[in-house]
N, C-alpha and C. Protein backbone atom coordinates (compact mmCIF):
# COMPACT_ATOMS: atom_id res chain seq x y z
N MET A 1 132.56 161.82 128.18
CA MET A 1 132.42 160.63 127.18
C MET A 1 132.68 161.07 125.65
N SER A 2 132.88 160.13 124.87
CA SER A 2 133.01 160.34 123.43
C SER A 2 131.58 160.29 122.82
N GLY A 3 131.58 161.01 121.67
CA GLY A 3 130.32 160.90 120.81
C GLY A 3 130.10 159.59 120.01
N ARG A 4 130.95 158.60 120.18
CA ARG A 4 130.74 157.38 119.37
C ARG A 4 129.73 156.58 120.01
N ASP A 5 129.08 155.88 119.06
CA ASP A 5 127.95 154.77 119.57
C ASP A 5 128.83 153.69 120.17
N ILE A 6 128.12 153.02 121.00
CA ILE A 6 128.63 151.88 121.55
C ILE A 6 128.03 150.65 120.90
N LEU A 7 128.84 149.88 120.25
CA LEU A 7 128.24 148.78 119.49
C LEU A 7 128.51 147.52 120.16
N PRO A 8 127.56 146.75 120.25
CA PRO A 8 127.95 145.26 120.84
C PRO A 8 128.90 144.46 120.02
N PRO A 9 129.60 143.71 120.65
CA PRO A 9 130.70 142.80 120.11
C PRO A 9 130.05 142.03 118.83
N GLU A 10 130.74 141.65 117.78
CA GLU A 10 130.07 140.94 116.75
C GLU A 10 130.10 139.43 117.25
N LEU A 11 128.85 138.88 116.95
CA LEU A 11 128.79 137.53 117.24
C LEU A 11 129.69 136.46 116.32
N PRO A 12 130.14 135.44 116.78
CA PRO A 12 131.00 134.49 115.96
C PRO A 12 130.00 134.02 114.89
N PRO A 13 130.40 133.68 113.77
CA PRO A 13 129.57 133.07 112.71
C PRO A 13 129.04 131.72 113.12
N GLU A 14 127.77 131.53 112.58
CA GLU A 14 127.23 130.19 113.10
C GLU A 14 127.91 129.06 112.40
N GLN A 15 128.10 127.95 113.01
CA GLN A 15 128.91 126.81 112.48
C GLN A 15 127.82 126.20 111.51
N GLN A 16 128.38 125.63 110.38
CA GLN A 16 127.65 124.96 109.40
C GLN A 16 127.38 123.61 109.91
N ARG A 17 126.19 123.02 109.57
CA ARG A 17 125.75 121.83 109.96
C ARG A 17 126.36 120.85 108.98
N SER A 18 126.70 119.62 109.38
CA SER A 18 127.11 118.68 108.44
C SER A 18 126.10 118.16 107.56
N GLY A 19 126.22 118.03 106.31
CA GLY A 19 125.32 117.37 105.48
C GLY A 19 125.04 116.01 105.84
N CYS A 20 126.04 115.27 106.21
CA CYS A 20 126.14 113.97 106.56
C CYS A 20 125.19 113.72 107.87
N LEU A 21 125.20 114.73 108.75
CA LEU A 21 124.33 114.60 109.93
C LEU A 21 122.76 114.71 109.61
N THR A 22 122.61 115.62 108.58
CA THR A 22 121.24 115.79 108.05
C THR A 22 120.66 114.55 107.35
N ALA A 23 121.52 113.89 106.58
CA ALA A 23 121.15 112.84 105.96
C ALA A 23 121.05 111.76 106.81
N LEU A 24 121.89 111.50 107.82
CA LEU A 24 121.61 110.51 108.93
C LEU A 24 120.34 110.64 109.61
N ALA A 25 120.06 111.93 109.95
CA ALA A 25 118.70 112.13 110.57
C ALA A 25 117.44 111.75 109.74
N VAL A 26 117.69 112.08 108.59
CA VAL A 26 116.44 111.74 107.53
C VAL A 26 116.34 110.13 107.44
N LEU A 27 117.64 109.56 107.42
CA LEU A 27 117.46 108.00 107.29
C LEU A 27 116.93 107.49 108.82
N ALA A 28 117.31 107.93 109.76
CA ALA A 28 116.66 107.40 111.10
C ALA A 28 115.18 107.81 111.09
N GLY A 29 114.74 108.98 110.63
CA GLY A 29 113.32 109.12 110.46
C GLY A 29 112.65 108.38 109.58
N LEU A 30 113.17 107.75 108.44
CA LEU A 30 112.55 106.90 107.53
C LEU A 30 112.53 105.44 108.28
N ILE A 31 113.46 105.19 109.05
CA ILE A 31 113.58 103.87 109.76
C ILE A 31 112.26 103.89 110.73
N LEU A 32 112.10 104.97 111.35
CA LEU A 32 111.21 105.01 112.31
C LEU A 32 109.70 105.03 111.80
N LEU A 33 109.71 105.43 110.50
CA LEU A 33 108.41 105.43 109.72
C LEU A 33 108.00 104.39 109.12
N PHE A 34 109.12 103.38 109.01
CA PHE A 34 108.83 102.27 108.13
C PHE A 34 107.95 101.18 108.71
N PRO A 35 107.84 100.95 109.99
CA PRO A 35 106.83 99.87 110.48
C PRO A 35 105.38 100.41 110.13
N MET A 36 105.03 101.51 110.46
CA MET A 36 103.66 102.01 110.24
C MET A 36 103.30 101.90 108.73
N ALA A 37 104.33 102.60 107.97
CA ALA A 37 103.95 102.37 106.53
C ALA A 37 103.78 101.02 105.98
N CYS A 38 104.59 100.03 106.52
CA CYS A 38 104.50 98.71 106.06
C CYS A 38 103.00 98.15 106.43
N VAL A 39 102.51 98.41 107.70
CA VAL A 39 101.24 98.02 108.20
C VAL A 39 100.18 98.71 107.31
N LEU A 40 100.31 99.89 107.02
CA LEU A 40 99.39 100.57 106.18
C LEU A 40 99.27 100.03 104.60
N VAL A 41 100.53 99.62 104.18
CA VAL A 41 100.46 99.07 102.68
C VAL A 41 100.05 97.64 102.74
N VAL A 42 100.42 96.95 103.58
CA VAL A 42 100.13 95.45 103.52
C VAL A 42 98.59 95.13 103.92
N PHE A 43 98.26 95.82 104.99
CA PHE A 43 97.03 95.49 105.47
C PHE A 43 96.03 96.66 105.56
N PRO A 44 95.75 97.50 104.54
CA PRO A 44 94.91 98.59 104.66
C PRO A 44 93.48 98.44 105.02
N ASN A 45 92.96 97.26 104.48
CA ASN A 45 91.61 97.06 104.80
C ASN A 45 91.19 96.33 106.07
N GLN A 46 92.26 95.76 106.72
CA GLN A 46 92.18 95.07 107.93
C GLN A 46 92.36 95.62 109.16
N ILE A 47 92.89 96.94 109.05
CA ILE A 47 93.23 97.69 110.39
C ILE A 47 91.88 98.36 110.82
N THR A 48 91.40 98.10 112.23
CA THR A 48 90.51 98.70 112.78
C THR A 48 90.83 99.69 113.83
N ARG A 49 89.88 100.36 114.47
CA ARG A 49 90.25 101.24 115.49
C ARG A 49 90.67 100.74 116.59
N GLN A 50 90.41 99.49 116.76
CA GLN A 50 90.84 98.68 118.20
C GLN A 50 92.25 98.28 118.01
N ASP A 51 92.55 97.95 116.60
CA ASP A 51 94.10 97.72 116.45
C ASP A 51 95.04 98.98 116.64
N LEU A 52 94.54 100.14 116.30
CA LEU A 52 95.18 101.37 116.70
C LEU A 52 95.27 101.74 118.07
N GLU A 53 94.38 101.35 118.86
CA GLU A 53 94.38 101.68 120.22
C GLU A 53 94.96 100.61 121.01
N HIS A 54 95.40 99.51 120.58
CA HIS A 54 96.19 98.54 121.24
C HIS A 54 97.58 99.08 121.44
N PRO A 55 98.37 98.75 122.53
CA PRO A 55 99.64 99.14 122.68
C PRO A 55 100.68 99.18 121.62
N ILE A 56 100.76 98.01 120.92
CA ILE A 56 101.49 97.97 119.72
C ILE A 56 101.23 98.95 118.63
N GLY A 57 99.89 99.14 118.39
CA GLY A 57 99.40 99.98 117.40
C GLY A 57 99.82 101.41 117.84
N LEU A 58 99.88 101.78 119.06
CA LEU A 58 100.13 102.99 119.60
C LEU A 58 101.89 103.26 119.56
N LEU A 59 102.39 102.13 119.71
CA LEU A 59 103.70 102.08 119.39
C LEU A 59 104.27 102.36 117.88
N PHE A 60 103.43 101.84 117.16
CA PHE A 60 103.85 102.16 115.64
C PHE A 60 103.44 103.65 115.33
N ILE A 61 102.21 103.98 115.86
CA ILE A 61 101.79 105.38 115.47
C ILE A 61 102.89 106.42 116.29
N GLY A 62 103.37 106.10 117.38
CA GLY A 62 104.26 107.10 118.05
C GLY A 62 105.47 107.15 117.24
N ALA A 63 106.10 105.89 116.80
CA ALA A 63 107.29 105.81 115.99
C ALA A 63 107.16 106.57 114.71
N ALA A 64 106.00 106.43 114.20
CA ALA A 64 105.94 107.24 112.86
C ALA A 64 105.70 108.77 113.17
N ILE A 65 105.14 109.19 114.11
CA ILE A 65 105.27 110.45 114.45
C ILE A 65 106.60 111.04 114.70
N ALA A 66 107.30 110.27 115.65
CA ALA A 66 108.67 110.59 115.75
C ALA A 66 109.54 110.65 114.50
N GLY A 67 109.36 109.80 113.63
CA GLY A 67 109.99 109.73 112.34
C GLY A 67 109.75 111.03 111.63
N VAL A 68 108.56 111.32 111.48
CA VAL A 68 108.12 112.66 110.73
C VAL A 68 108.79 113.88 111.52
N VAL A 69 108.63 113.87 112.70
CA VAL A 69 109.31 115.04 113.40
C VAL A 69 110.85 114.91 113.31
N VAL A 70 111.46 113.97 113.28
CA VAL A 70 112.94 113.86 112.96
C VAL A 70 113.37 114.36 111.69
N ILE A 71 112.50 113.85 110.75
CA ILE A 71 112.78 114.46 109.31
C ILE A 71 112.54 115.91 109.07
N VAL A 72 111.40 116.36 109.65
CA VAL A 72 111.20 117.79 109.41
C VAL A 72 112.28 118.69 110.11
N LEU A 73 112.53 118.15 111.33
CA LEU A 73 113.69 118.99 112.07
C LEU A 73 115.13 118.95 111.24
N ALA A 74 115.36 117.71 110.67
CA ALA A 74 116.65 117.60 109.94
C ALA A 74 116.53 118.63 108.73
N VAL A 75 115.58 118.53 107.97
CA VAL A 75 115.37 119.44 106.79
C VAL A 75 115.42 120.90 107.20
N ARG A 76 114.60 121.21 108.15
CA ARG A 76 114.36 122.71 108.45
C ARG A 76 115.75 123.09 108.84
N ARG A 77 116.59 122.46 109.87
CA ARG A 77 117.69 123.05 110.27
C ARG A 77 118.72 123.14 109.18
N GLY A 78 118.66 122.06 108.41
CA GLY A 78 119.75 121.99 107.26
C GLY A 78 119.52 123.23 106.29
N ARG A 79 118.35 123.54 106.04
CA ARG A 79 118.06 124.68 105.14
C ARG A 79 118.26 126.06 105.77
N SER A 80 117.93 126.04 107.03
CA SER A 80 118.10 127.43 107.66
C SER A 80 119.46 127.91 107.84
N ARG A 81 120.53 126.91 107.93
CA ARG A 81 121.94 127.23 108.12
C ARG A 81 122.68 127.27 106.91
N SER A 82 122.09 127.00 105.67
CA SER A 82 122.80 126.98 104.32
C SER A 82 122.94 128.56 103.88
């Protein structure tokens, strides 16, 4: 055997993520966030705990959480690959 170290093959460079895709993901997150934001802005004093436990309220909360997750993932992946 030779005295040379065996090096692993070089990995191909990571592909750059499209800025357009990141912008579309942020836009989709904002659209998901919009219904809950409207409810909180228009009816802040009229919302009760029962309203939030109702299936429609849970749907709005779930959409808002999904919107935040989509925005965070889009921004995080966009920054890490730059």
